Amino acid sequence: MSDPVTRAAEVLKDHRASIDRLDAILVYTLGERFKHTQAVGKLKAEHDLPPSDPDRETKQIERLEDLAKRADLDPEFAKSFLNFIIREVIQNHKKFQ
């Protein structure tokens, strides 16, 4: 049987390994998301559509807030995170205009 400090170190190592895997998932997921938003930006530019869609953005924020609540995540954090992503997407879309 291991001592409490050794056991705590093992548990900490396991948590950190999970965090590292989740960080990788987040990065790859964002990469995939931005591939799609770039395709949307190109399509909008080809059809002379505006780079932002405030109605969709509002609906997406509401949807994300609901998902955050169900995931036991601070909805304000989720909202800030999505707003950050939306700003980046709009900047990318403007490059195609």
C-alpha atoms as a PDB file:
ATOM      1  CA  MET A   1       0.000   0.000   0.000  1.00  0.00           C
ATOM      2  CA  SER A   2       1.419   3.403  -0.972  1.00  0.00           C
ATOM      3  CA  ASP A   3       1.659   6.394   1.300  1.00  0.00           C
ATOM      4  CA  PRO A   4      -0.838   9.274   0.871  1.00  0.00           C
ATOM      5  CA  VAL A   5       1.685  11.597  -0.786  1.00  0.00           C
ATOM      6  CA  THR A   6       2.649   8.986  -3.364  1.00  0.00           C
ATOM      7  CA  ARG A   7      -1.020   8.192  -4.015  1.00  0.00           C
ATOM      8  CA  ALA A   8      -1.801  11.924  -4.400  1.00  0.00           C
ATOM      9  CA  ALA A   9       1.067  12.257  -6.890  1.00  0.00           C
ATOM     10  CA  GLU A  10      -0.337   9.329  -8.901  1.00  0.00           C
ATOM     11  CA  VAL A  11      -3.831  10.838  -8.939  1.00  0.00           C
ATOM     12  CA  LEU A  12      -2.377  14.233  -9.917  1.00  0.00           C
ATOM     13  CA  LYS A  13      -0.464  12.578 -12.763  1.00  0.00           C
ATOM     14  CA  ASP A  14      -3.679  10.914 -14.002  1.00  0.00           C
ATOM     15  CA  HIS A  15      -5.602  14.209 -13.893  1.00  0.00           C
ATOM     16  CA  ARG A  16      -2.828  15.992 -15.770  1.00  0.00           C
ATOM     17  CA  ALA A  17      -2.748  13.283 -18.433  1.00  0.00           C
ATOM     18  CA  SER A  18      -6.513  13.718 -18.903  1.00  0.00           C
ATOM     19  CA  ILE A  19      -6.101  17.491 -19.116  1.00  0.00           C
ATOM     20  CA  ASP A  20      -3.380  17.069 -21.752  1.00  0.00           C
ATOM     21  CA  ARG A  21      -5.632  14.786 -23.831  1.00  0.00           C
ATOM     22  CA  LEU A  22      -8.533  17.220 -23.525  1.00  0.00           C
ATOM     23  CA  ASP A  23      -6.315  20.150 -24.541  1.00  0.00           C
ATOM     24  CA  ALA A  24      -5.333  18.225 -27.672  1.00  0.00           C
ATOM     25  CA  ILE A  25      -9.007  17.520 -28.404  1.00  0.00           C
ATOM     26  CA  LEU A  26      -9.826  21.228 -28.001  1.00  0.00           C
ATOM     27  CA  VAL A  27      -7.031  22.305 -30.343  1.00  0.00           C
ATOM     28  CA  TYR A  28      -7.936  19.789 -33.046  1.00  0.00           C
ATOM     29  CA  THR A  29     -11.642  20.599 -32.655  1.00  0.00           C
ATOM     30  CA  LEU A  30     -10.955  24.322 -33.045  1.00  0.00           C
ATOM     31  CA  GLY A  31      -8.803  23.563 -36.080  1.00  0.00           C
ATOM     32  CA  GLU A  32     -11.653  21.609 -37.655  1.00  0.00           C
ATOM     33  CA  ARG A  33     -14.146  24.347 -36.754  1.00  0.00           C
ATOM     34  CA  PHE A  34     -11.988  27.007 -38.390  1.00  0.00           C
ATOM     35  CA  LYS A  35     -11.680  24.927 -41.583  1.00  0.00           C
ATOM     36  CA  HIS A  36     -15.463  25.072 -41.860  1.00  0.00           C
ATOM     37  CA  THR A  37     -15.715  28.758 -40.982  1.00  0.00           C
ATOM     38  CA  GLN A  38     -13.059  29.545 -43.607  1.00  0.00           C
ATOM     39  CA  ALA A  39     -15.144  27.694 -46.185  1.00  0.00           C
ATOM     40  CA  VAL A  40     -18.164  29.734 -45.067  1.00  0.00           C
ATOM     41  CA  GLY A  41     -16.132  32.934 -45.380  1.00  0.00           C
ATOM     42  CA  LYS A  42     -15.072  32.074 -48.926  1.00  0.00           C
ATOM     43  CA  LEU A  43     -18.650  31.208 -49.868  1.00  0.00           C
ATOM     44  CA  LYS A  44     -19.925  34.476 -48.402  1.00  0.00           C
ATOM     45  CA  ALA A  45     -17.278  36.433 -50.316  1.00  0.00           C
ATOM     46  CA  GLU A  46     -18.134  34.655 -53.568  1.00  0.00           C
ATOM     47  CA  HIS A  47     -21.787  35.602 -53.145  1.00  0.00           C
ATOM     48  CA  ASP A  48     -21.181  39.093 -51.761  1.00  0.00           C
ATOM     49  CA  LEU A  49     -22.703  38.257 -48.360  1.00  0.00           C
ATOM     50  CA  PRO A  50     -21.717  40.139 -45.181  1.00  0.00           C
ATOM     51  CA  PRO A  51     -18.935  38.582 -43.072  1.00  0.00           C
ATOM     52  CA  SER A  52     -21.101  38.460 -39.943  1.00  0.00           C
ATOM     53  CA  ASP A  53     -24.593  37.162 -39.259  1.00  0.00           C
ATOM     54  CA  PRO A  54     -25.826  38.761 -36.020  1.00  0.00           C
ATOM     55  CA  ASP A  55     -29.004  36.649 -35.865  1.00  0.00           C
ATOM     56  CA  ARG A  56     -27.049  33.398 -36.094  1.00  0.00           C
ATOM     57  CA  GLU A  57     -24.462  34.661 -33.627  1.00  0.00           C
ATOM     58  CA  THR A  58     -27.191  35.469 -31.090  1.00  0.00           C
ATOM     59  CA  LYS A  59     -28.758  32.023 -31.526  1.00  0.00           C
ATOM     60  CA  GLN A  60     -25.367  30.334 -31.214  1.00  0.00           C
ATOM     61  CA  ILE A  61     -24.591  32.204 -27.998  1.00  0.00           C
ATOM     62  CA  GLU A  62     -27.965  31.211 -26.538  1.00  0.00           C
ATOM     63  CA  ARG A  63     -27.370  27.607 -27.604  1.00  0.00           C
ATOM     64  CA  LEU A  64     -23.897  27.567 -26.090  1.00  0.00           C
ATOM     65  CA  GLU A  65     -25.136  29.067 -22.823  1.00  0.00           C
ATOM     66  CA  ASP A  66     -27.703  26.272 -22.597  1.00  0.00           C
ATOM     67  CA  LEU A  67     -25.065  23.635 -23.373  1.00  0.00           C
ATOM     68  CA  ALA A  68     -22.768  25.174 -20.758  1.00  0.00           C
ATOM     69  CA  LYS A  69     -25.454  24.977 -18.091  1.00  0.00           C
ATOM     70  CA  ARG A  70     -26.069  21.320 -18.919  1.00  0.00           C
ATOM     71  CA  ALA A  71     -22.316  20.641 -18.826  1.00  0.00           C
ATOM     72  CA  ASP A  72     -21.980  22.380 -15.444  1.00  0.00           C
ATOM     73  CA  LEU A  73     -19.795  25.081 -17.007  1.00  0.00           C
ATOM     74  CA  ASP A  74     -20.137  28.771 -16.208  1.00  0.00           C
ATOM     75  CA  PRO A  75     -22.413  30.130 -18.967  1.00  0.00           C
ATOM     76  CA  GLU A  76     -20.652  33.507 -18.888  1.00  0.00           C
ATOM     77  CA  PHE A  77     -17.331  31.814 -19.550  1.00  0.00           C
ATOM     78  CA  ALA A  78     -18.853  29.838 -22.424  1.00  0.00           C
ATOM     79  CA  LYS A  79     -20.385  33.032 -23.820  1.00  0.00           C
ATOM     80  CA  SER A  80     -17.056  34.879 -23.628  1.00  0.00           C
ATOM     81  CA  PHE A  81     -15.305  31.947 -25.280  1.00  0.00           C
ATOM     82  CA  LEU A  82     -17.784  31.821 -28.165  1.00  0.00           C
ATOM     83  CA  ASN A  83     -17.674  35.602 -28.599  1.00  0.00           C
ATOM     84  CA  PHE A  84     -13.885  35.358 -28.870  1.00  0.00           C
ATOM     85  CA  ILE A  85     -14.205  32.675 -31.550  1.00  0.00           C
ATOM     86  CA  ILE A  86     -16.884  34.633 -33.421  1.00  0.00           C
ATOM     87  CA  ARG A  87     -14.671  37.739 -33.497  1.00  0.00           C
ATOM     88  CA  GLU A  88     -11.817  35.674 -34.916  1.00  0.00           C
ATOM     89  CA  VAL A  89     -14.091  34.087 -37.529  1.00  0.00           C
ATOM     90  CA  ILE A  90     -15.422  37.495 -38.627  1.00  0.00           C
ATOM     91  CA  GLN A  91     -11.847  38.807 -38.950  1.00  0.00           C
ATOM     92  CA  ASN A  92     -11.035  35.798 -41.117  1.00  0.00           C
ATOM     93  CA  HIS A  93     -14.160  36.335 -43.217  1.00  0.00           C
ATOM     94  CA  LYS A  94     -13.203  39.961 -43.803  1.00  0.00           C
ATOM     95  CA  LYS A  95      -9.932  38.785 -45.368  1.00  0.00           C
ATOM     96  CA  PHE A  96     -11.967  37.162 -48.147  1.00  0.00           C
ATOM     97  CA  GLN A  97     -14.029  40.279 -48.860  1.00  0.00           C
END
